[in-house]
Amino acid sequence: MKALPVEPSSMPLAIGSRLRSARQTRRMTIEQLAASTGLTKGFLSRVERDLTSPSVASLVTICEVLSLSVGELFERPQTHLVRAGEGLGVSLGGQGIREQLLTARSERRVQVIRAEIEPHGVGEEEMYSVDCDVEVLHVESGEFVLKLSGGEFALSAGDTITFPGREPHTWVNPAAEPAVVHWTLVLSGRG
């Protein structure tokens, strides 16, 4: 059996932006990285801008200082595409509402839900809360009233409101026209 020849890619692998991001996440200046690695600021700047490629030894040193595995630089980012109308159907309650999860089911940091609310659609009769740290509600079209324990907020297309995720709330579409809203649930601190 003959092995298929694999031609090397002529496309350079851009790792500089990942190194810069890792450095900045650690609140480290390029001067501090230079001092810790023994490499020059100019060289590190060129590496971060993908103008030069470091040797394996230099790359390992940089990664050790940044507490980053060399392999992480070459991993493809995890992406999840949901095409319009193809979101997973979910139901958080209410009448006259169709909800779709727009983020990956497995996503544990944030969830985005698109909701189409019929005219005069209503949320739960009793206020409820969602187990998340922060909720962001954006009205794409129509009118929407968010009812919190501290009062009501009449929202129109383009309006966005942010509130604590565990805040009891409910909602209503007061209009004779449909409304489309996006709920973003921030789930930080979960594994």
N, C-alpha and C. Protein backbone atom coordinates (compact mmCIF):
# COMPACT_ATOMS: atom_id res chain seq x y z
N MET A 1 0.84 -1.17 0.00
CA MET A 1 0.00 0.00 0.00
C MET A 1 0.89 1.23 0.00
N LYS A 2 0.56 2.13 -0.84
CA LYS A 2 1.35 3.34 -1.01
C LYS A 2 0.84 4.44 -0.08
N ALA A 3 1.73 5.11 0.60
CA ALA A 3 1.35 6.22 1.48
C ALA A 3 1.04 7.45 0.65
N LEU A 4 0.01 8.15 1.04
CA LEU A 4 -0.32 9.39 0.36
C LEU A 4 0.65 10.46 0.79
N PRO A 5 1.27 11.13 -0.17
CA PRO A 5 2.19 12.21 0.21
C PRO A 5 1.40 13.41 0.74
N VAL A 6 1.86 13.95 1.81
CA VAL A 6 1.23 15.13 2.39
C VAL A 6 2.14 16.31 2.10
N GLU A 7 1.58 17.28 1.40
CA GLU A 7 2.38 18.45 1.07
C GLU A 7 2.31 19.44 2.23
N PRO A 8 3.44 20.00 2.60
CA PRO A 8 3.42 20.97 3.68
C PRO A 8 2.65 22.21 3.26
N SER A 9 1.98 22.79 4.21
CA SER A 9 1.22 24.00 3.94
C SER A 9 2.17 25.17 3.83
N SER A 10 1.92 26.03 2.84
CA SER A 10 2.75 27.22 2.71
C SER A 10 2.17 28.38 3.52
N MET A 11 1.01 28.15 4.14
CA MET A 11 0.40 29.20 4.93
C MET A 11 1.07 29.27 6.30
N PRO A 12 1.59 30.43 6.64
CA PRO A 12 2.23 30.55 7.96
C PRO A 12 1.17 30.49 9.05
N LEU A 13 1.54 29.89 10.16
CA LEU A 13 0.64 29.79 11.31
C LEU A 13 0.81 31.04 12.17
N ALA A 14 -0.24 31.78 12.34
CA ALA A 14 -0.19 33.03 13.11
C ALA A 14 -0.45 32.73 14.59
N ILE A 15 0.61 32.75 15.38
CA ILE A 15 0.47 32.50 16.82
C ILE A 15 0.71 33.77 17.64
N GLY A 16 1.16 34.81 16.98
CA GLY A 16 1.51 36.04 17.69
C GLY A 16 0.36 36.64 18.47
N SER A 17 -0.82 36.69 17.86
CA SER A 17 -1.97 37.29 18.56
C SER A 17 -2.37 36.47 19.78
N ARG A 18 -2.19 35.16 19.71
CA ARG A 18 -2.50 34.31 20.88
C ARG A 18 -1.48 34.55 22.00
N LEU A 19 -0.22 34.73 21.63
CA LEU A 19 0.80 35.03 22.64
C LEU A 19 0.53 36.39 23.28
N ARG A 20 0.19 37.38 22.47
CA ARG A 20 -0.11 38.72 22.99
C ARG A 20 -1.32 38.66 23.94
N SER A 21 -2.34 37.96 23.52
CA SER A 21 -3.55 37.84 24.35
C SER A 21 -3.23 37.17 25.69
N ALA A 22 -2.42 36.12 25.65
CA ALA A 22 -2.04 35.44 26.89
C ALA A 22 -1.24 36.37 27.80
N ARG A 23 -0.34 37.15 27.21
CA ARG A 23 0.45 38.11 28.01
C ARG A 23 -0.45 39.17 28.62
N GLN A 24 -1.35 39.72 27.83
CA GLN A 24 -2.23 40.77 28.33
C GLN A 24 -3.21 40.25 29.37
N THR A 25 -3.67 39.01 29.20
CA THR A 25 -4.56 38.41 30.19
C THR A 25 -3.88 38.32 31.55
N ARG A 26 -2.57 38.10 31.52
CA ARG A 26 -1.80 38.00 32.77
C ARG A 26 -1.32 39.38 33.25
N ARG A 27 -1.80 40.42 32.57
CA ARG A 27 -1.45 41.81 32.91
C ARG A 27 0.06 42.01 32.95
N MET A 28 0.70 41.43 31.95
CA MET A 28 2.15 41.51 31.86
C MET A 28 2.53 42.42 30.69
N THR A 29 3.47 43.31 30.91
CA THR A 29 3.95 44.17 29.83
C THR A 29 4.96 43.39 28.99
N ILE A 30 5.22 43.90 27.81
CA ILE A 30 6.21 43.25 26.95
C ILE A 30 7.60 43.35 27.59
N GLU A 31 7.81 44.45 28.35
CA GLU A 31 9.09 44.61 29.06
C GLU A 31 9.25 43.52 30.13
N GLN A 32 8.17 43.24 30.85
CA GLN A 32 8.22 42.20 31.89
C GLN A 32 8.46 40.82 31.27
N LEU A 33 7.80 40.57 30.13
CA LEU A 33 8.00 39.29 29.45
C LEU A 33 9.44 39.17 28.97
N ALA A 34 10.00 40.26 28.45
CA ALA A 34 11.39 40.25 27.99
C ALA A 34 12.33 39.94 29.15
N ALA A 35 12.10 40.59 30.28
CA ALA A 35 12.96 40.36 31.45
C ALA A 35 12.87 38.92 31.94
N SER A 36 11.66 38.34 31.89
CA SER A 36 11.46 36.97 32.38
C SER A 36 12.00 35.90 31.44
N THR A 37 12.04 36.23 30.14
CA THR A 37 12.47 35.22 29.16
C THR A 37 13.91 35.39 28.71
N GLY A 38 14.47 36.58 28.93
CA GLY A 38 15.82 36.84 28.43
C GLY A 38 15.83 37.19 26.95
N LEU A 39 14.67 37.41 26.38
CA LEU A 39 14.56 37.80 24.98
C LEU A 39 14.35 39.30 24.90
N THR A 40 14.65 39.89 23.77
CA THR A 40 14.52 41.35 23.67
C THR A 40 13.07 41.76 23.43
N LYS A 41 12.77 43.01 23.82
CA LYS A 41 11.44 43.56 23.59
C LYS A 41 11.13 43.60 22.10
N GLY A 42 12.10 44.01 21.32
CA GLY A 42 11.91 44.10 19.88
C GLY A 42 11.57 42.74 19.26
N PHE A 43 12.31 41.71 19.69
CA PHE A 43 12.05 40.36 19.17
C PHE A 43 10.64 39.91 19.56
N LEU A 44 10.28 40.09 20.84
CA LEU A 44 8.95 39.69 21.30
C LEU A 44 7.85 40.45 20.58
N SER A 45 8.08 41.73 20.33
CA SER A 45 7.10 42.54 19.59
C SER A 45 6.91 41.99 18.18
N ARG A 46 7.99 41.62 17.53
CA ARG A 46 7.89 41.07 16.17
C ARG A 46 7.19 39.71 16.18
N VAL A 47 7.44 38.92 17.22
CA VAL A 47 6.76 37.62 17.34
C VAL A 47 5.26 37.84 17.51
N GLU A 48 4.88 38.77 18.39
CA GLU A 48 3.47 39.04 18.64
C GLU A 48 2.75 39.59 17.40
N ARG A 49 3.49 40.24 16.52
CA ARG A 49 2.90 40.78 15.29
C ARG A 49 3.09 39.81 14.11
N ASP A 50 3.56 38.61 14.39
CA ASP A 50 3.80 37.57 13.39
C ASP A 50 4.73 38.04 12.27
N LEU A 51 5.70 38.87 12.62
CA LEU A 51 6.69 39.33 11.66
C LEU A 51 7.92 38.43 11.66
N THR A 52 8.05 37.62 12.72
CA THR A 52 9.13 36.65 12.79
C THR A 52 8.63 35.44 13.56
N SER A 53 9.28 34.32 13.34
CA SER A 53 8.92 33.09 14.04
C SER A 53 9.99 32.75 15.05
N PRO A 54 9.60 32.47 16.29
CA PRO A 54 10.60 32.12 17.30
C PRO A 54 11.10 30.69 17.10
N SER A 55 12.28 30.43 17.60
CA SER A 55 12.78 29.05 17.60
C SER A 55 11.93 28.25 18.57
N VAL A 56 12.01 26.95 18.50
CA VAL A 56 11.27 26.09 19.42
C VAL A 56 11.67 26.41 20.85
N ALA A 57 12.97 26.59 21.09
CA ALA A 57 13.45 26.89 22.45
C ALA A 57 12.87 28.21 22.95
N SER A 58 12.86 29.25 22.10
CA SER A 58 12.30 30.54 22.51
C SER A 58 10.81 30.43 22.76
N LEU A 59 10.12 29.68 21.91
CA LEU A 59 8.68 29.52 22.07
C LEU A 59 8.35 28.80 23.37
N VAL A 60 9.09 27.76 23.69
CA VAL A 60 8.87 27.03 24.94
C VAL A 60 9.11 27.96 26.13
N THR A 61 10.15 28.77 26.08
CA THR A 61 10.45 29.71 27.17
C THR A 61 9.32 30.72 27.34
N ILE A 62 8.86 31.29 26.23
CA ILE A 62 7.76 32.27 26.29
C ILE A 62 6.52 31.62 26.90
N CYS A 63 6.20 30.42 26.44
CA CYS A 63 5.01 29.73 26.93
C CYS A 63 5.13 29.39 28.41
N GLU A 64 6.31 28.99 28.85
CA GLU A 64 6.50 28.69 30.28
C GLU A 64 6.24 29.92 31.13
N VAL A 65 6.75 31.06 30.72
CA VAL A 65 6.55 32.30 31.47
C VAL A 65 5.08 32.69 31.48
N LEU A 66 4.38 32.43 30.38
CA LEU A 66 2.96 32.79 30.29
C LEU A 66 2.03 31.71 30.82
N SER A 67 2.60 30.63 31.37
CA SER A 67 1.81 29.50 31.87
C SER A 67 0.84 29.00 30.81
N LEU A 68 1.38 28.81 29.62
CA LEU A 68 0.61 28.43 28.46
C LEU A 68 1.28 27.21 27.84
N SER A 69 0.51 26.21 27.48
CA SER A 69 1.14 25.07 26.82
C SER A 69 1.36 25.43 25.35
N VAL A 70 2.45 24.94 24.79
CA VAL A 70 2.75 25.23 23.39
C VAL A 70 1.60 24.74 22.51
N GLY A 71 1.02 23.61 22.87
CA GLY A 71 -0.08 23.05 22.08
C GLY A 71 -1.28 23.97 21.97
N GLU A 72 -1.55 24.76 23.01
CA GLU A 72 -2.69 25.68 22.98
C GLU A 72 -2.58 26.69 21.85
N LEU A 73 -1.37 27.03 21.47
CA LEU A 73 -1.17 28.00 20.39
C LEU A 73 -1.64 27.47 19.04
N PHE A 74 -1.69 26.15 18.92
CA PHE A 74 -2.00 25.54 17.64
C PHE A 74 -3.39 24.92 17.58
N GLU A 75 -4.13 24.98 18.69
CA GLU A 75 -5.48 24.43 18.72
C GLU A 75 -6.43 25.32 17.94
N ARG A 76 -7.36 24.70 17.27
CA ARG A 76 -8.40 25.46 16.59
C ARG A 76 -9.40 25.92 17.64
N PRO A 77 -9.87 27.15 17.55
CA PRO A 77 -10.86 27.62 18.51
C PRO A 77 -12.17 26.86 18.33
N GLN A 78 -12.83 26.56 19.45
CA GLN A 78 -14.11 25.88 19.38
C GLN A 78 -15.16 26.88 18.89
N THR A 79 -15.85 26.50 17.85
CA THR A 79 -16.90 27.36 17.31
C THR A 79 -18.19 26.56 17.20
N HIS A 80 -19.29 27.26 17.25
CA HIS A 80 -20.61 26.63 17.13
C HIS A 80 -21.48 27.56 16.32
N LEU A 81 -21.92 27.12 15.17
CA LEU A 81 -22.74 27.93 14.28
C LEU A 81 -24.18 27.49 14.37
N VAL A 82 -25.07 28.45 14.57
CA VAL A 82 -26.50 28.20 14.51
C VAL A 82 -27.05 29.10 13.41
N ARG A 83 -27.56 28.51 12.37
CA ARG A 83 -28.14 29.28 11.27
C ARG A 83 -29.53 29.77 11.66
N ALA A 84 -29.94 30.85 11.03
CA ALA A 84 -31.25 31.44 11.31
C ALA A 84 -32.34 30.38 11.23
N GLY A 85 -33.16 30.32 12.27
CA GLY A 85 -34.28 29.38 12.32
C GLY A 85 -33.93 27.97 12.71
N GLU A 86 -32.63 27.69 12.97
CA GLU A 86 -32.21 26.32 13.29
C GLU A 86 -31.84 26.12 14.76
N GLY A 87 -32.12 27.09 15.61
CA GLY A 87 -31.80 26.95 17.02
C GLY A 87 -32.62 25.86 17.68
N LEU A 88 -32.07 25.27 18.71
CA LEU A 88 -32.74 24.24 19.48
C LEU A 88 -33.93 24.85 20.20
N GLY A 89 -35.11 24.26 20.04
CA GLY A 89 -36.30 24.77 20.72
C GLY A 89 -36.20 24.56 22.22
N VAL A 90 -36.48 25.59 22.98
CA VAL A 90 -36.49 25.50 24.45
C VAL A 90 -37.77 26.16 24.94
N SER A 91 -38.11 25.90 26.20
CA SER A 91 -39.30 26.53 26.76
C SER A 91 -39.01 26.93 28.20
N LEU A 92 -38.98 28.24 28.43
CA LEU A 92 -38.79 28.74 29.78
C LEU A 92 -40.12 29.18 30.40
N GLY A 93 -41.20 28.87 29.73
CA GLY A 93 -42.53 29.19 30.26
C GLY A 93 -43.13 30.41 29.61
N GLY A 94 -44.43 30.54 29.82
CA GLY A 94 -45.17 31.66 29.25
C GLY A 94 -46.12 31.17 28.18
N GLN A 95 -46.95 32.09 27.71
CA GLN A 95 -47.94 31.78 26.68
C GLN A 95 -47.70 32.67 25.47
N GLY A 96 -47.79 32.07 24.29
CA GLY A 96 -47.60 32.83 23.07
C GLY A 96 -46.15 33.15 22.80
N ILE A 97 -45.27 32.22 23.13
CA ILE A 97 -43.83 32.46 22.95
C ILE A 97 -43.19 31.24 22.31
N ARG A 98 -42.28 31.49 21.39
CA ARG A 98 -41.46 30.44 20.77
C ARG A 98 -40.01 30.81 21.01
N GLU A 99 -39.27 29.93 21.69
CA GLU A 99 -37.88 30.23 22.07
C GLU A 99 -36.92 29.25 21.40
N GLN A 100 -35.75 29.80 21.01
CA GLN A 100 -34.70 28.99 20.42
C GLN A 100 -33.37 29.31 21.10
N LEU A 101 -32.65 28.26 21.49
CA LEU A 101 -31.30 28.41 22.04
C LEU A 101 -30.34 28.63 20.88
N LEU A 102 -29.63 29.76 20.91
CA LEU A 102 -28.72 30.11 19.81
C LEU A 102 -27.27 29.73 20.09
N THR A 103 -26.97 29.37 21.32
CA THR A 103 -25.61 28.95 21.67
C THR A 103 -25.57 27.43 21.77
N ALA A 104 -24.38 26.88 21.77
CA ALA A 104 -24.23 25.44 21.88
C ALA A 104 -24.84 24.96 23.20
N ARG A 105 -25.48 23.83 23.14
CA ARG A 105 -26.07 23.24 24.34
C ARG A 105 -25.02 23.03 25.43
N SER A 106 -23.83 22.71 25.00
CA SER A 106 -22.74 22.41 25.93
C SER A 106 -22.06 23.65 26.50
N GLU A 107 -22.40 24.83 25.98
CA GLU A 107 -21.78 26.07 26.46
C GLU A 107 -22.17 26.31 27.91
N ARG A 108 -21.16 26.47 28.77
CA ARG A 108 -21.41 26.62 30.20
C ARG A 108 -21.15 28.02 30.73
N ARG A 109 -20.77 28.96 29.85
CA ARG A 109 -20.46 30.32 30.32
C ARG A 109 -21.54 31.32 29.98
N VAL A 110 -22.21 31.11 28.85
CA VAL A 110 -23.23 32.06 28.41
C VAL A 110 -24.24 31.32 27.54
N GLN A 111 -25.48 31.75 27.61
CA GLN A 111 -26.52 31.21 26.74
C GLN A 111 -27.28 32.38 26.12
N VAL A 112 -27.59 32.26 24.84
CA VAL A 112 -28.38 33.28 24.15
C VAL A 112 -29.64 32.60 23.64
N ILE A 113 -30.77 33.19 23.98
CA ILE A 113 -32.06 32.65 23.58
C ILE A 113 -32.81 33.71 22.78
N ARG A 114 -33.28 33.32 21.61
CA ARG A 114 -34.10 34.21 20.78
C ARG A 114 -35.55 33.82 21.01
N ALA A 115 -36.37 34.81 21.32
CA ALA A 115 -37.78 34.55 21.60
C ALA A 115 -38.67 35.38 20.68
N GLU A 116 -39.61 34.71 20.05
CA GLU A 116 -40.63 35.38 19.26
C GLU A 116 -41.91 35.33 20.09
N ILE A 117 -42.44 36.50 20.39
CA ILE A 117 -43.61 36.59 21.27
C ILE A 117 -44.81 37.09 20.47
N GLU A 118 -45.87 36.34 20.51
CA GLU A 118 -47.09 36.72 19.82
C GLU A 118 -47.68 37.98 20.45
N PRO A 119 -48.55 38.68 19.71
CA PRO A 119 -49.23 39.83 20.31
C PRO A 119 -49.92 39.42 21.62
N HIS A 120 -49.71 40.19 22.65
CA HIS A 120 -50.28 39.99 23.98
C HIS A 120 -49.81 38.70 24.67
N GLY A 121 -48.68 38.15 24.18
CA GLY A 121 -48.09 36.99 24.85
C GLY A 121 -47.64 37.39 26.24
N VAL A 122 -47.67 36.43 27.18
CA VAL A 122 -47.33 36.74 28.57
C VAL A 122 -46.40 35.68 29.15
N GLY A 123 -45.59 36.13 30.13
CA GLY A 123 -44.73 35.22 30.87
C GLY A 123 -45.52 34.53 31.97
N GLU A 124 -44.80 33.88 32.85
CA GLU A 124 -45.44 33.19 33.96
C GLU A 124 -46.26 34.17 34.79
N GLU A 125 -47.36 33.69 35.36
CA GLU A 125 -48.22 34.54 36.19
C GLU A 125 -47.46 35.02 37.43
N GLU A 126 -46.70 34.10 38.03
CA GLU A 126 -45.87 34.47 39.18
C GLU A 126 -44.46 34.77 38.68
N MET A 127 -43.81 35.72 39.34
CA MET A 127 -42.44 36.05 38.96
C MET A 127 -41.54 34.83 39.20
N TYR A 128 -40.55 34.70 38.35
CA TYR A 128 -39.61 33.59 38.44
C TYR A 128 -38.20 34.14 38.28
N SER A 129 -37.21 33.33 38.64
CA SER A 129 -35.82 33.74 38.43
C SER A 129 -35.09 32.63 37.70
N VAL A 130 -33.98 32.99 37.09
CA VAL A 130 -33.17 32.06 36.32
C VAL A 130 -31.84 31.90 37.04
N ASP A 131 -31.33 30.68 37.08
CA ASP A 131 -30.07 30.40 37.77
C ASP A 131 -28.90 30.83 36.89
N CYS A 132 -28.61 32.13 36.94
CA CYS A 132 -27.45 32.67 36.22
C CYS A 132 -27.00 33.92 36.97
N ASP A 133 -25.84 34.43 36.61
CA ASP A 133 -25.29 35.59 37.31
C ASP A 133 -25.88 36.91 36.81
N VAL A 134 -26.04 37.01 35.49
CA VAL A 134 -26.52 38.26 34.88
C VAL A 134 -27.44 37.89 33.72
N GLU A 135 -28.51 38.67 33.56
CA GLU A 135 -29.37 38.53 32.39
C GLU A 135 -29.33 39.83 31.61
N VAL A 136 -29.27 39.71 30.31
CA VAL A 136 -29.33 40.86 29.42
C VAL A 136 -30.49 40.60 28.47
N LEU A 137 -31.40 41.54 28.38
CA LEU A 137 -32.54 41.42 27.49
C LEU A 137 -32.44 42.51 26.43
N HIS A 138 -32.47 42.10 25.16
CA HIS A 138 -32.41 43.06 24.05
C HIS A 138 -33.66 42.87 23.20
N VAL A 139 -34.35 43.97 22.91
CA VAL A 139 -35.55 43.91 22.09
C VAL A 139 -35.14 44.18 20.64
N GLU A 140 -35.31 43.16 19.81
CA GLU A 140 -34.97 43.29 18.39
C GLU A 140 -36.08 44.03 17.65
N SER A 141 -37.33 43.65 17.93
CA SER A 141 -38.46 44.32 17.28
C SER A 141 -39.69 44.23 18.17
N GLY A 142 -40.59 45.19 17.98
CA GLY A 142 -41.83 45.20 18.75
C GLY A 142 -41.68 45.91 20.09
N GLU A 143 -42.64 45.64 20.95
CA GLU A 143 -42.66 46.21 22.30
C GLU A 143 -42.64 45.08 23.32
N PHE A 144 -42.10 45.37 24.49
CA PHE A 144 -41.92 44.34 25.50
C PHE A 144 -41.90 45.02 26.87
N VAL A 145 -42.60 44.47 27.83
CA VAL A 145 -42.58 45.00 29.19
C VAL A 145 -41.95 43.95 30.09
N LEU A 146 -40.85 44.33 30.74
CA LEU A 146 -40.18 43.47 31.71
C LEU A 146 -40.65 43.90 33.08
N LYS A 147 -41.16 42.96 33.86
CA LYS A 147 -41.65 43.25 35.20
C LYS A 147 -40.68 42.65 36.21
N LEU A 148 -40.05 43.52 36.98
CA LEU A 148 -39.15 43.10 38.06
C LEU A 148 -39.82 43.42 39.39
N SER A 149 -39.27 42.89 40.46
CA SER A 149 -39.86 43.17 41.78
C SER A 149 -39.80 44.66 42.10
N GLY A 150 -38.86 45.39 41.50
CA GLY A 150 -38.72 46.82 41.76
C GLY A 150 -39.45 47.72 40.79
N GLY A 151 -40.20 47.15 39.85
CA GLY A 151 -40.94 47.98 38.91
C GLY A 151 -40.98 47.37 37.52
N GLU A 152 -41.64 48.09 36.62
CA GLU A 152 -41.79 47.64 35.24
C GLU A 152 -40.96 48.51 34.29
N PHE A 153 -40.49 47.91 33.22
CA PHE A 153 -39.70 48.62 32.22
C PHE A 153 -40.34 48.38 30.86
N ALA A 154 -40.88 49.45 30.27
CA ALA A 154 -41.45 49.37 28.93
C ALA A 154 -40.31 49.54 27.93
N LEU A 155 -40.12 48.53 27.09
CA LEU A 155 -39.00 48.51 26.16
C LEU A 155 -39.50 48.47 24.72
N SER A 156 -38.75 49.09 23.84
CA SER A 156 -39.07 49.10 22.40
C SER A 156 -37.87 48.58 21.62
N ALA A 157 -38.07 48.40 20.33
CA ALA A 157 -37.00 47.89 19.46
C ALA A 157 -35.71 48.68 19.67
N GLY A 158 -34.63 47.95 19.88
CA GLY A 158 -33.32 48.56 20.09
C GLY A 158 -32.94 48.75 21.54
N ASP A 159 -33.91 48.64 22.47
CA ASP A 159 -33.63 48.81 23.89
C ASP A 159 -32.98 47.55 24.47
N THR A 160 -32.11 47.76 25.45
CA THR A 160 -31.44 46.66 26.14
C THR A 160 -31.43 46.96 27.63
N ILE A 161 -31.71 45.94 28.44
CA ILE A 161 -31.68 46.09 29.90
C ILE A 161 -30.87 44.95 30.49
N THR A 162 -30.09 45.26 31.51
CA THR A 162 -29.27 44.28 32.20
C THR A 162 -29.70 44.24 33.66
N PHE A 163 -29.83 43.03 34.22
CA PHE A 163 -30.23 42.90 35.62
C PHE A 163 -29.68 41.60 36.20
N PRO A 164 -29.64 41.50 37.56
CA PRO A 164 -29.11 40.29 38.18
C PRO A 164 -29.93 39.06 37.76
N GLY A 165 -29.25 37.98 37.47
CA GLY A 165 -29.92 36.79 36.99
C GLY A 165 -30.90 36.18 37.95
N ARG A 166 -30.67 36.33 39.21
CA ARG A 166 -31.56 35.70 40.20
C ARG A 166 -32.69 36.63 40.62
N GLU A 167 -32.83 37.77 39.91
CA GLU A 167 -33.90 38.74 40.20
C GLU A 167 -35.23 38.18 39.68
N PRO A 168 -36.23 38.04 40.57
CA PRO A 168 -37.54 37.56 40.10
C PRO A 168 -38.12 38.51 39.05
N HIS A 169 -38.69 37.94 38.00
CA HIS A 169 -39.25 38.75 36.92
C HIS A 169 -40.29 37.97 36.14
N THR A 170 -41.03 38.68 35.34
CA THR A 170 -41.92 38.11 34.34
C THR A 170 -42.03 39.16 33.23
N TRP A 171 -42.88 38.95 32.25
CA TRP A 171 -42.91 39.83 31.10
C TRP A 171 -44.25 39.77 30.39
N VAL A 172 -44.46 40.71 29.48
CA VAL A 172 -45.65 40.73 28.63
C VAL A 172 -45.34 41.50 27.34
N ASN A 173 -45.94 41.05 26.26
CA ASN A 173 -45.92 41.83 25.02
C ASN A 173 -47.25 42.59 25.02
N PRO A 174 -47.24 43.89 25.30
CA PRO A 174 -48.49 44.64 25.42
C PRO A 174 -49.12 45.03 24.09
N ALA A 175 -48.41 44.79 23.00
CA ALA A 175 -48.85 45.31 21.71
C ALA A 175 -49.66 44.29 20.90
N ALA A 176 -50.30 44.79 19.88
CA ALA A 176 -51.05 43.95 18.95
C ALA A 176 -50.14 43.43 17.83
N GLU A 177 -48.84 43.67 17.97
CA GLU A 177 -47.84 43.21 17.00
C GLU A 177 -46.89 42.23 17.70
N PRO A 178 -46.32 41.30 16.96
CA PRO A 178 -45.34 40.39 17.58
C PRO A 178 -44.08 41.14 18.04
N ALA A 179 -43.36 40.54 18.94
CA ALA A 179 -42.08 41.08 19.41
C ALA A 179 -41.03 39.99 19.29
N VAL A 180 -39.78 40.41 19.05
CA VAL A 180 -38.65 39.48 19.04
C VAL A 180 -37.63 40.02 20.03
N VAL A 181 -37.23 39.18 20.98
CA VAL A 181 -36.25 39.59 21.99
C VAL A 181 -35.14 38.54 22.06
N HIS A 182 -34.00 38.98 22.58
CA HIS A 182 -32.87 38.08 22.82
C HIS A 182 -32.53 38.15 24.30
N TRP A 183 -32.54 36.99 24.95
CA TRP A 183 -32.10 36.89 26.34
C TRP A 183 -30.67 36.37 26.32
N THR A 184 -29.77 37.04 27.00
CA THR A 184 -28.41 36.56 27.17
C THR A 184 -28.21 36.25 28.65
N LEU A 185 -27.90 35.00 28.96
CA LEU A 185 -27.72 34.56 30.34
C LEU A 185 -26.25 34.30 30.58
N VAL A 186 -25.65 35.06 31.45
CA VAL A 186 -24.22 34.91 31.77
C VAL A 186 -24.11 33.92 32.92
N LEU A 187 -23.39 32.82 32.68
CA LEU A 187 -23.32 31.73 33.63
C LEU A 187 -21.93 31.59 34.22
N SER A 188 -21.23 32.69 34.44
CA SER A 188 -19.84 32.60 34.91
C SER A 188 -19.75 31.81 36.21
N GLY A 189 -18.59 31.20 36.39
CA GLY A 189 -18.35 30.44 37.61
C GLY A 189 -18.83 29.01 37.50
N ARG A 190 -19.23 28.58 36.32
CA ARG A 190 -19.68 27.20 36.14
C ARG A 190 -18.63 26.45 35.34
N GLY A 191 -18.56 25.14 35.59
CA GLY A 191 -17.54 24.34 34.92
C GLY A 191 -17.96 23.77 33.70
